[in-house]
């Protein structure tokens, strides 16, 4: 049975088509169509078109009732974009939507991200330095463990409705902090929260970054899985925060353990000594420990530490 198209849907689709055509004309090769039928697009944004050293990729999904009644769904991919900066930029984009509700806003979003890049470039002595500071230079992923290929991970359009929920009355989920693991002066500590919507994921991240110690971590790697009962599918995502491949490995662990409606963040404070593949072992051990302690999965093998103590 075909879906019933209302006049509003027709108007929104026509507005989307005109907006996409305009953006394609303005940005040329920077604008990319990922899946036209599902209304998924992306654009590569740089601070300097001649020397694009600092870049970000803005991926966008246009829901059927955008722009009349819903915002675009977006994801920003940038290795240098860390927690506090990511939250600041996200708030700026949300402010634009609120100010221009019912209007086409993609151009305003793209230029806001570009302004953010320009400002960051001007505030840095070099545009390369942020990446060097945030990453521990441990690029050599040379252990035998297979790394899950999550490079093509993107938002599932079947679950777009979750992102459209403007439930401002949602409460912050309780956050548990696990016992730290220290190896050669690097410290790893897990944090866990039950989540059932993407908004709660954002709330948990913002709350964690209010803690100065967590905000100062070299990396805050996270992954989450939310089970959508009506769709019988998972909404899931991960973030490396500069620790290459760590977020994908963490999400892979959650998948193997078949946990749902949970978010795990692992903070790492780099101690100056490269750990090589051992860093991934510590990240996953931290995550598994706190999942076991909080009852999300059974303990089948001994684990190093019980994750109950709060962070100080």
Protein backbone atom coordinates (compact mmCIF):
# COMPACT_ATOMS: atom_id res chain seq x y z
CA UNK A 1 0.00 0.00 0.00
CA UNK A 2 1.48 3.35 -1.05
CA UNK A 3 2.17 6.08 1.48
CA UNK A 4 -0.30 8.96 1.49
CA UNK A 5 1.42 12.19 0.50
CA UNK A 6 -0.09 15.27 2.06
CA UNK A 7 0.17 18.75 0.51
CA UNK A 8 2.61 19.72 3.25
CA UNK A 9 4.88 16.81 2.35
CA UNK A 10 4.79 17.91 -1.29
CA UNK A 11 5.76 21.47 -0.41
CA UNK A 12 8.58 20.33 1.86
CA UNK A 13 9.99 18.03 -0.82
CA UNK A 14 9.92 20.79 -3.40
CA UNK A 15 11.63 23.17 -0.98
CA UNK A 16 14.30 20.53 -0.27
CA UNK A 17 14.91 19.99 -4.00
CA UNK A 18 15.34 23.72 -4.59
CA UNK A 19 17.63 24.09 -1.56
CA UNK A 20 19.84 21.16 -2.62
CA UNK A 21 20.11 22.54 -6.16
CA UNK A 22 21.19 25.90 -4.78
CA UNK A 23 23.78 24.37 -2.45
CA UNK A 24 25.16 22.21 -5.25
CA UNK A 25 25.55 25.32 -7.37
CA UNK A 26 27.19 27.31 -4.57
CA UNK A 27 29.62 24.67 -3.29
CA UNK A 28 30.32 22.60 -6.41
CA UNK A 29 32.50 19.57 -5.74
CA UNK A 30 32.39 20.19 -1.97
CA UNK A 31 28.70 19.16 -2.00
CA UNK A 32 28.08 15.41 -2.28
CA UNK A 33 24.90 13.37 -2.72
CA UNK A 34 25.17 10.15 -0.69
CA UNK A 35 21.64 8.79 -1.17
CA UNK A 36 19.17 11.04 -2.97
CA UNK A 37 16.19 8.75 -2.36
CA UNK A 38 16.84 8.80 1.40
CA UNK A 39 17.72 12.52 1.27
CA UNK A 40 21.25 12.02 2.62
CA UNK A 41 23.94 14.53 1.67
CA UNK A 42 27.33 15.69 2.90
CA UNK A 43 29.68 18.60 2.38
CA UNK A 44 33.37 18.98 3.07
CA UNK A 45 34.02 22.31 4.77
CA UNK A 46 37.43 23.93 5.21
CA UNK A 47 38.72 27.08 6.84
CA UNK A 48 40.81 27.98 3.79
CA UNK A 49 39.87 26.86 0.29
CA UNK A 50 43.44 27.34 -0.97
CA UNK A 51 45.07 25.47 1.91
CA UNK A 52 42.37 23.21 3.43
CA UNK A 53 44.41 21.94 6.39
CA UNK A 54 41.58 22.16 8.91
CA UNK A 55 38.44 20.49 7.58
CA UNK A 56 35.15 19.01 8.71
CA UNK A 57 32.58 16.82 6.98
CA UNK A 58 28.95 17.75 7.65
CA UNK A 59 26.60 14.83 6.90
CA UNK A 60 22.92 15.69 6.64
CA UNK A 61 19.64 13.78 6.46
CA UNK A 62 16.55 15.71 5.43
CA UNK A 63 13.40 14.28 7.10
CA UNK A 64 10.12 14.39 5.13
CA UNK A 65 8.77 17.34 7.14
CA UNK A 66 11.85 19.56 6.84
CA UNK A 67 11.78 22.54 6.79
CA UNK A 68 8.17 23.09 7.83
CA UNK A 69 8.15 21.10 11.08
CA UNK A 70 11.49 19.34 11.70
CA UNK A 71 15.20 20.16 11.66
CA UNK A 72 17.76 18.41 9.48
CA UNK A 73 19.51 15.44 11.08
CA UNK A 74 23.25 15.98 11.05
CA UNK A 75 26.58 14.47 12.01
CA UNK A 76 29.90 16.33 12.02
CA UNK A 77 33.02 14.25 11.32
CA UNK A 78 36.31 15.93 12.25
CA UNK A 79 39.19 14.25 14.09
CA UNK A 80 40.17 17.52 15.76
CA UNK A 81 36.65 18.32 17.03
CA UNK A 82 36.60 17.29 20.69
CA UNK A 83 33.89 17.30 23.33
CA UNK A 84 33.64 20.94 24.50
CA UNK A 85 34.17 22.31 20.98
CA UNK A 86 31.71 19.80 19.51
CA UNK A 87 29.07 20.82 22.07
CA UNK A 88 29.68 24.52 21.39
CA UNK A 89 29.27 24.04 17.64
CA UNK A 90 26.16 21.86 18.09
CA UNK A 91 24.57 24.54 20.26
CA UNK A 92 25.28 27.15 17.58
CA UNK A 93 23.57 25.03 14.93
CA UNK A 94 20.57 24.46 17.20
CA UNK A 95 20.30 28.20 17.82
CA UNK A 96 20.16 28.80 14.07
CA UNK A 97 17.35 26.26 13.71
CA UNK A 98 15.33 27.82 16.53
CA UNK A 99 15.83 31.32 15.13
CA UNK A 100 14.83 30.25 11.59
CA UNK A 101 12.24 27.54 12.38
CA UNK A 102 10.26 26.61 9.28
CA UNK A 103 12.91 28.00 6.92
CA UNK A 104 15.69 26.41 4.86
CA UNK A 105 18.82 26.57 7.02
CA UNK A 106 21.47 24.33 5.43
CA UNK A 107 23.42 27.25 3.95
CA UNK A 108 23.44 28.97 7.36
CA UNK A 109 24.67 25.75 8.99
CA UNK A 110 27.48 25.26 6.48
CA UNK A 111 28.70 28.82 6.87
CA UNK A 112 28.48 28.60 10.68
CA UNK A 113 30.73 25.52 10.60
CA UNK A 114 33.09 27.37 8.24
CA UNK A 115 33.19 30.38 10.58
CA UNK A 116 33.96 27.99 13.44
CA UNK A 117 36.90 26.56 11.47
CA UNK A 118 38.22 30.00 10.60
CA UNK A 119 38.03 31.12 14.23
CA UNK A 120 39.82 27.99 15.41
CA UNK A 121 42.54 28.45 12.78
CA UNK A 122 43.09 32.06 13.80
CA UNK A 123 43.31 31.14 17.49
CA UNK A 124 45.97 28.48 16.84
CA UNK A 125 49.58 29.14 16.04
CA UNK A 126 49.38 26.39 13.42
CA UNK A 127 46.41 24.48 12.11
CA UNK A 128 48.24 21.20 12.52
CA UNK A 129 48.96 21.54 16.21
CA UNK A 130 45.49 20.61 17.61
CA UNK A 131 45.64 17.18 16.04
CA UNK A 132 49.16 16.59 17.38
CA UNK A 133 48.10 17.59 20.88
CA UNK A 134 44.91 15.53 20.98
CA UNK A 135 46.41 12.37 19.57
CA UNK A 136 49.05 10.28 21.26
CA UNK A 137 50.93 9.57 18.02
CA UNK A 138 50.12 5.89 18.42
CA UNK A 139 49.15 5.35 14.81
CA UNK A 140 50.53 1.84 14.59
CA UNK A 141 47.52 -0.44 14.84
CA UNK A 142 49.65 -3.51 14.46
CA UNK A 143 48.03 -6.11 16.69
CA UNK A 144 46.43 -9.21 15.23
CA UNK A 145 42.92 -8.21 16.25
CA UNK A 146 40.62 -7.39 13.32
CA UNK A 147 39.44 -3.82 13.28
CA UNK A 148 35.75 -3.56 12.41
CA UNK A 149 35.18 -1.54 9.26
CA UNK A 150 32.97 1.26 10.53
CA UNK A 151 34.14 3.89 8.05
CA UNK A 152 30.82 3.68 6.26
CA UNK A 153 28.79 3.96 9.47
CA UNK A 154 26.04 6.53 9.05
CA UNK A 155 22.65 7.39 10.48
CA UNK A 156 19.95 4.83 9.75
CA UNK A 157 17.10 6.63 8.01
CA UNK A 158 14.68 4.10 9.48
CA UNK A 159 15.46 5.67 12.87
CA UNK A 160 15.25 9.31 11.87
CA UNK A 161 12.19 9.79 14.08
CA UNK A 162 14.37 9.38 17.15
CA UNK A 163 16.36 12.46 16.23
CA UNK A 164 13.21 14.46 15.65
CA UNK A 165 11.98 14.06 19.20
CA UNK A 166 12.29 17.46 20.79
CA UNK A 167 11.80 16.08 24.28
CA UNK A 168 13.21 18.91 26.32
CA UNK A 169 11.80 17.35 29.47
CA UNK A 170 14.07 14.30 29.25
CA UNK A 171 16.04 13.72 32.42
CA UNK A 172 19.79 13.22 32.53
CA UNK A 173 20.44 9.46 32.90
CA UNK A 174 22.48 8.34 35.93
CA UNK A 175 26.19 8.14 35.12
CA UNK A 176 28.45 5.50 36.69
CA UNK A 177 32.22 5.88 36.89
CA UNK A 178 34.54 2.89 36.89
CA UNK A 179 37.85 2.11 38.52
CA UNK A 180 40.82 3.42 36.50
CA UNK A 181 43.50 1.24 34.93
CA UNK A 182 47.04 2.69 34.83
CA UNK A 183 49.83 1.39 32.62
CA UNK A 184 53.15 3.18 32.05
CA UNK A 185 51.72 6.46 33.33
CA UNK A 186 48.69 6.37 31.01
CA UNK A 187 45.37 6.12 32.85
CA UNK A 188 42.09 4.78 31.47
CA UNK A 189 38.73 5.19 33.20
CA UNK A 190 35.26 4.10 32.00
CA UNK A 191 31.94 5.86 32.44
CA UNK A 192 28.53 4.33 31.69
CA UNK A 193 24.97 5.62 31.34
CA UNK A 194 21.68 4.04 30.23
CA UNK A 195 20.38 5.85 27.14
CA UNK A 196 17.26 5.40 25.01
CA UNK A 197 17.45 8.50 22.77
CA UNK A 198 20.22 10.41 20.97
CA UNK A 199 19.34 13.46 23.05
CA UNK A 200 20.31 11.54 26.19
CA UNK A 201 23.65 10.68 24.58
CA UNK A 202 24.29 14.40 24.13
CA UNK A 203 23.17 15.15 27.70
CA UNK A 204 25.58 12.56 29.11
CA UNK A 205 28.51 13.95 27.11
CA UNK A 206 27.77 17.50 28.21
CA UNK A 207 27.54 16.42 31.85
CA UNK A 208 30.81 14.50 31.69
CA UNK A 209 32.61 17.48 30.18
CA UNK A 210 31.51 19.63 33.10
CA UNK A 211 34.08 17.64 35.09
CA UNK A 212 37.43 19.41 34.56
CA UNK A 213 39.38 16.18 34.94
CA UNK A 214 37.38 14.41 32.23
CA UNK A 215 37.43 17.47 29.99
CA UNK A 216 41.25 17.52 30.24
CA UNK A 217 41.63 13.89 29.15
CA UNK A 218 43.72 13.33 26.03
CA UNK A 219 40.88 11.26 24.56
CA UNK A 220 37.27 10.60 25.52
CA UNK A 221 36.30 7.64 23.37
CA UNK A 222 32.65 6.60 23.34
CA UNK A 223 30.14 4.26 21.73
CA UNK A 224 26.44 3.64 22.24
CA UNK A 225 23.69 1.26 21.11
CA UNK A 226 19.97 2.07 21.31
CA UNK A 227 17.42 -0.61 20.44
CA UNK A 228 14.38 0.64 18.51
CA UNK A 229 11.64 -1.83 19.35
CA UNK A 230 9.19 -0.55 16.75
CA UNK A 231 11.79 -0.96 13.99
CA UNK A 232 13.52 -4.05 15.45
CA UNK A 233 16.86 -2.44 14.74
CA UNK A 234 19.70 -0.61 16.49
CA UNK A 235 20.69 3.03 16.42
CA UNK A 236 24.40 3.08 17.17
CA UNK A 237 27.45 5.28 16.74
CA UNK A 238 30.96 5.83 18.09
CA UNK A 239 33.66 8.50 18.41
CA UNK A 240 37.46 8.07 18.41
CA UNK A 241 38.18 11.56 19.78
CA UNK A 242 41.62 11.41 18.18
CA UNK A 243 42.50 7.84 19.24
CA UNK A 244 42.38 6.26 15.79
CA UNK A 245 40.19 3.12 15.55
CA UNK A 246 39.36 3.13 19.28
CA UNK A 247 35.72 4.15 18.87
CA UNK A 248 35.09 1.45 16.27
CA UNK A 249 36.65 -1.18 18.51
CA UNK A 250 34.54 -0.03 21.45
CA UNK A 251 31.35 -0.22 19.40
CA UNK A 252 32.41 -3.64 18.13
CA UNK A 253 32.70 -4.77 21.77
CA UNK A 254 29.15 -3.56 22.50
CA UNK A 255 27.94 -5.47 19.44
CA UNK A 256 29.73 -8.68 20.44
CA UNK A 257 28.29 -8.46 23.96
CA UNK A 258 24.87 -7.68 22.45
CA UNK A 259 24.18 -4.90 24.94
CA UNK A 260 21.47 -2.34 24.29
CA UNK A 261 20.29 1.04 25.51
CA UNK A 262 23.66 1.90 26.98
CA UNK A 263 26.51 4.31 26.37
CA UNK A 264 30.12 3.76 27.41
CA UNK A 265 32.79 6.47 27.50
CA UNK A 266 36.46 5.67 28.18
CA UNK A 267 38.70 8.57 29.18
CA UNK A 268 42.43 8.27 28.56
CA UNK A 269 45.05 10.52 30.08
CA UNK A 270 48.28 10.02 28.10
CA UNK A 271 51.36 9.68 30.27
CA UNK A 272 54.06 10.31 27.68
CA UNK A 273 54.93 6.66 26.92
CA UNK A 274 53.47 5.00 23.83
CA UNK A 275 51.57 1.81 24.68
CA UNK A 276 51.07 0.46 21.16
CA UNK A 277 48.25 -2.13 20.83
CA UNK A 278 47.98 -2.41 24.63
CA UNK A 279 45.97 0.82 24.67
CA UNK A 280 43.11 -0.87 22.84
CA UNK A 281 43.19 -3.75 25.32
CA UNK A 282 42.88 -1.33 28.24
CA UNK A 283 40.05 0.63 26.59
CA UNK A 284 38.02 -2.52 25.94
CA UNK A 285 38.81 -4.05 29.33
CA UNK A 286 37.62 -0.87 31.06
CA UNK A 287 34.43 -0.89 29.03
CA UNK A 288 33.74 -4.57 29.60
CA UNK A 289 34.39 -4.29 33.33
CA UNK A 290 31.82 -1.57 33.86
CA UNK A 291 29.26 -3.34 31.64
CA UNK A 292 29.63 -6.45 33.77
CA UNK A 293 29.47 -4.56 37.05
CA UNK A 294 26.33 -2.70 36.01
CA UNK A 295 24.62 -5.90 34.88
CA UNK A 296 24.57 -5.34 31.12
CA UNK A 297 26.44 -8.56 30.39
CA UNK A 298 27.50 -11.68 32.24
CA UNK A 299 31.04 -12.16 33.50
CA UNK A 300 32.51 -15.13 31.64
CA UNK A 301 36.19 -14.42 32.20
CA UNK A 302 38.02 -12.79 35.12
CA UNK A 303 38.42 -9.04 34.85
CA UNK A 304 40.97 -6.79 36.40
CA UNK A 305 38.91 -4.30 38.32
CA UNK A 306 35.38 -3.74 39.58
CA UNK A 307 33.90 -0.51 38.28
CA UNK A 308 32.03 1.13 41.10
CA UNK A 309 34.08 4.02 42.40
CA UNK A 310 33.08 7.56 41.39
CA UNK A 311 35.58 9.85 39.74
CA UNK A 312 37.16 12.45 41.97
